[in-house]
Amino acid sequence: MERRTRRRVLKTGATLAATVGVAGTAAAGNRGGNEGDNGNNGKQFGRVWADGTLFRTNVVKTLDEQPDPDDPIYFLHDGSAPIVGSVGAQGSPFVSKSSPGERSWNGGQWTHFSAEVTDVEAFRAAVAEDGPFASSERVVSADFVEVTLGRPGFGPPNFFLCPLNGRA
């Protein structure tokens, strides 16, 4: 029974990574740290921005209901795909409101917020001028990003456990 549960969790995590392109996002940046180096034991890690720092992460499990307490995470997309594919300097479509070491950090018990970029050209210009959207404040204050609770119909589930496993 335990093996079946573990297999289901691993399958769900793999599906999430494939759906969102988390593993592909890291590979697109080709910064290393994804293929077993740095002590990863061959595990694939995604990336999440938090307070200006790019962290590595992996999905542990999906949750059936909103965790309490939770960590808000914003998923940048253009309405049909993660935004990171068209803006290489972004590095990850995920931006966390909190990070390890902060009083508000709850260990990666995420509540998903859709952050739809309504003007991709303005987003590209902002990334080129000021660097990646690496803080939740920048995501929610941008005029060309519409933030709503929940997933956009693709991407990760509404609620999931995904701890940040060190800096990318």
Protein backbone atom coordinates (compact mmCIF):
# COMPACT_ATOMS: atom_id res chain seq x y z
CA MET A 1 0.00 0.00 0.00
CA GLU A 2 2.80 2.44 0.89
CA ARG A 3 4.51 1.78 -2.44
CA ARG A 4 1.31 2.59 -4.34
CA THR A 5 0.90 5.86 -2.45
CA ARG A 6 4.51 6.85 -3.04
CA ARG A 7 4.21 5.98 -6.72
CA ARG A 8 1.07 8.12 -7.01
CA VAL A 9 2.82 11.06 -5.31
CA LEU A 10 5.83 10.71 -7.61
CA LYS A 11 3.58 10.42 -10.66
CA THR A 12 1.64 13.54 -9.62
CA GLY A 13 4.90 15.44 -9.11
CA ALA A 14 6.20 14.32 -12.51
CA THR A 15 2.93 15.35 -14.14
CA LEU A 16 3.13 18.78 -12.53
CA ALA A 17 6.70 19.26 -13.67
CA ALA A 18 5.82 18.25 -17.22
CA THR A 19 2.65 20.33 -17.32
CA VAL A 20 4.19 23.52 -16.08
CA GLY A 21 7.60 22.94 -17.56
CA VAL A 22 9.33 23.45 -14.23
CA ALA A 23 12.10 21.01 -15.12
CA GLY A 24 12.24 22.44 -18.64
CA THR A 25 12.44 25.95 -17.24
CA ALA A 26 15.57 25.09 -15.31
CA ALA A 27 17.05 23.27 -18.30
CA ALA A 28 16.28 26.23 -20.58
CA GLY A 29 18.43 28.43 -18.36
CA ASN A 30 21.08 25.66 -18.43
CA ARG A 31 22.63 26.91 -15.25
CA GLY A 32 23.46 23.42 -13.96
CA GLY A 33 22.27 22.00 -10.69
CA ASN A 34 19.52 19.95 -12.36
CA GLU A 35 21.14 16.74 -13.46
CA GLY A 36 22.62 15.25 -10.32
CA ASP A 37 25.42 17.71 -9.66
CA ASN A 38 25.64 19.63 -6.38
CA GLY A 39 24.47 16.54 -4.49
CA ASN A 40 21.03 16.31 -6.15
CA ASN A 41 21.33 12.53 -6.69
CA GLY A 42 19.88 12.83 -10.20
CA LYS A 43 16.67 14.51 -8.95
CA GLN A 44 15.04 17.16 -11.15
CA PHE A 45 14.42 20.48 -9.42
CA GLY A 46 12.25 23.38 -10.45
CA ARG A 47 12.88 27.01 -9.59
CA VAL A 48 10.96 29.57 -7.49
CA TRP A 49 11.82 33.24 -6.95
CA ALA A 50 11.46 34.48 -3.36
CA ASP A 51 12.56 37.92 -2.19
CA GLY A 52 15.05 38.31 -5.03
CA THR A 53 16.64 34.87 -4.60
CA LEU A 54 16.12 31.96 -6.99
CA PHE A 55 15.52 28.76 -5.01
CA ARG A 56 15.33 25.17 -6.21
CA THR A 57 12.31 23.05 -5.34
CA ASN A 58 10.44 19.86 -6.11
CA VAL A 59 6.77 18.98 -5.69
CA VAL A 60 6.26 16.61 -2.78
CA LYS A 61 2.47 16.23 -2.99
CA THR A 62 -0.75 17.91 -4.01
CA LEU A 63 -3.20 18.97 -1.32
CA ASP A 64 -6.99 18.58 -1.43
CA GLU A 65 -7.71 21.81 0.38
CA GLN A 66 -6.10 25.12 1.18
CA PRO A 67 -3.38 24.68 3.81
CA ASP A 68 -3.61 26.72 6.98
CA PRO A 69 -1.23 28.44 7.31
CA ASP A 70 -0.15 28.75 3.68
CA ASP A 71 2.43 30.40 1.43
CA PRO A 72 1.06 32.34 -1.57
CA ILE A 73 2.81 31.55 -4.87
CA TYR A 74 2.27 33.45 -8.12
CA PHE A 75 2.42 31.66 -11.48
CA LEU A 76 3.38 34.07 -14.30
CA HIS A 77 1.81 33.12 -17.62
CA ASP A 78 0.47 34.67 -20.82
CA GLY A 79 -2.93 32.95 -20.72
CA SER A 80 -1.77 29.78 -22.45
CA ALA A 81 1.73 28.95 -21.18
CA PRO A 82 4.27 29.91 -18.51
CA ILE A 83 5.78 33.30 -19.34
CA VAL A 84 9.35 32.20 -18.74
CA GLY A 85 9.64 30.48 -22.14
CA SER A 86 9.48 33.80 -23.98
CA VAL A 87 11.55 35.78 -21.46
CA GLY A 88 14.74 33.87 -20.72
CA ALA A 89 16.05 36.28 -18.06
CA GLN A 90 13.02 35.55 -15.87
CA GLY A 91 14.40 32.08 -14.99
CA SER A 92 11.16 30.80 -13.44
CA PRO A 93 7.44 31.52 -13.79
CA PHE A 94 6.96 31.04 -10.01
CA VAL A 95 7.28 33.84 -7.46
CA SER A 96 6.73 33.28 -3.73
CA LYS A 97 5.47 35.83 -1.24
CA SER A 98 7.77 34.46 1.49
CA SER A 99 10.98 32.49 1.84
CA PRO A 100 12.82 30.31 4.36
CA GLY A 101 13.97 32.28 7.38
CA GLU A 102 11.04 34.72 7.32
CA ARG A 103 8.47 34.73 10.07
CA SER A 104 5.66 34.28 7.50
CA TRP A 105 7.30 31.21 5.83
CA ASN A 106 5.23 28.02 6.23
CA GLY A 107 7.49 25.45 4.62
CA GLY A 108 6.16 25.58 1.06
CA GLN A 109 2.48 24.82 1.70
CA TRP A 110 1.39 26.72 -1.39
CA THR A 111 -1.83 28.43 -2.35
CA HIS A 112 -1.65 29.09 -6.08
CA PHE A 113 -2.39 32.50 -7.57
CA SER A 114 -2.66 32.97 -11.33
CA ALA A 115 -0.58 35.98 -12.46
CA GLU A 116 -1.55 36.54 -16.09
CA VAL A 117 0.75 38.86 -18.03
CA THR A 118 -1.65 40.84 -20.24
CA ASP A 119 1.10 42.74 -22.11
CA VAL A 120 4.05 40.44 -22.84
CA GLU A 121 6.04 43.21 -24.55
CA ALA A 122 5.76 45.42 -21.45
CA PHE A 123 6.81 42.45 -19.31
CA ARG A 124 9.86 41.80 -21.53
CA ALA A 125 10.83 45.48 -21.36
CA ALA A 126 10.48 45.48 -17.54
CA VAL A 127 12.66 42.34 -17.24
CA ALA A 128 15.26 43.82 -19.62
CA GLU A 129 15.35 47.09 -17.67
CA ASP A 130 15.07 45.94 -14.04
CA GLY A 131 15.78 42.19 -14.11
CA PRO A 132 13.43 39.29 -13.36
CA PHE A 133 10.17 39.52 -11.45
CA ALA A 134 11.76 38.05 -8.33
CA SER A 135 9.43 39.35 -5.59
CA SER A 136 5.71 39.13 -4.99
CA GLU A 137 5.54 42.91 -4.57
CA ARG A 138 6.73 43.41 -8.13
CA VAL A 139 4.23 40.86 -9.48
CA VAL A 140 1.18 42.34 -7.76
CA SER A 141 2.12 45.97 -8.49
CA ALA A 142 2.71 45.59 -12.26
CA ASP A 143 -0.05 47.21 -14.35
CA PHE A 144 0.20 44.44 -16.95
CA VAL A 145 -0.20 41.49 -14.53
CA GLU A 146 -3.68 40.37 -13.42
CA VAL A 147 -3.59 38.32 -10.21
CA THR A 148 -6.45 35.99 -9.26
CA LEU A 149 -6.76 33.16 -6.76
CA GLY A 150 -6.39 29.71 -8.30
CA ARG A 151 -4.83 28.13 -11.33
CA PRO A 152 -5.39 29.41 -14.87
CA GLY A 153 -6.70 26.08 -16.24
CA PHE A 154 -3.18 24.71 -16.66
CA GLY A 155 -0.15 24.63 -14.43
CA PRO A 156 0.12 23.39 -10.88
CA PRO A 157 -2.92 22.54 -8.75
CA ASN A 158 -4.51 25.14 -6.46
CA PHE A 159 -2.82 23.72 -3.35
CA PHE A 160 0.42 21.73 -3.06
CA LEU A 161 3.43 21.04 -0.87
CA CYS A 162 6.70 22.06 -2.48
CA PRO A 163 9.52 23.06 -0.08
CA LEU A 164 12.38 25.31 -1.18
CA ASN A 165 15.55 23.18 -1.14
CA GLY A 166 18.34 25.74 -1.20
CA ARG A 167 19.46 28.40 -3.61
CA ALA A 168 19.54 27.59 -7.30
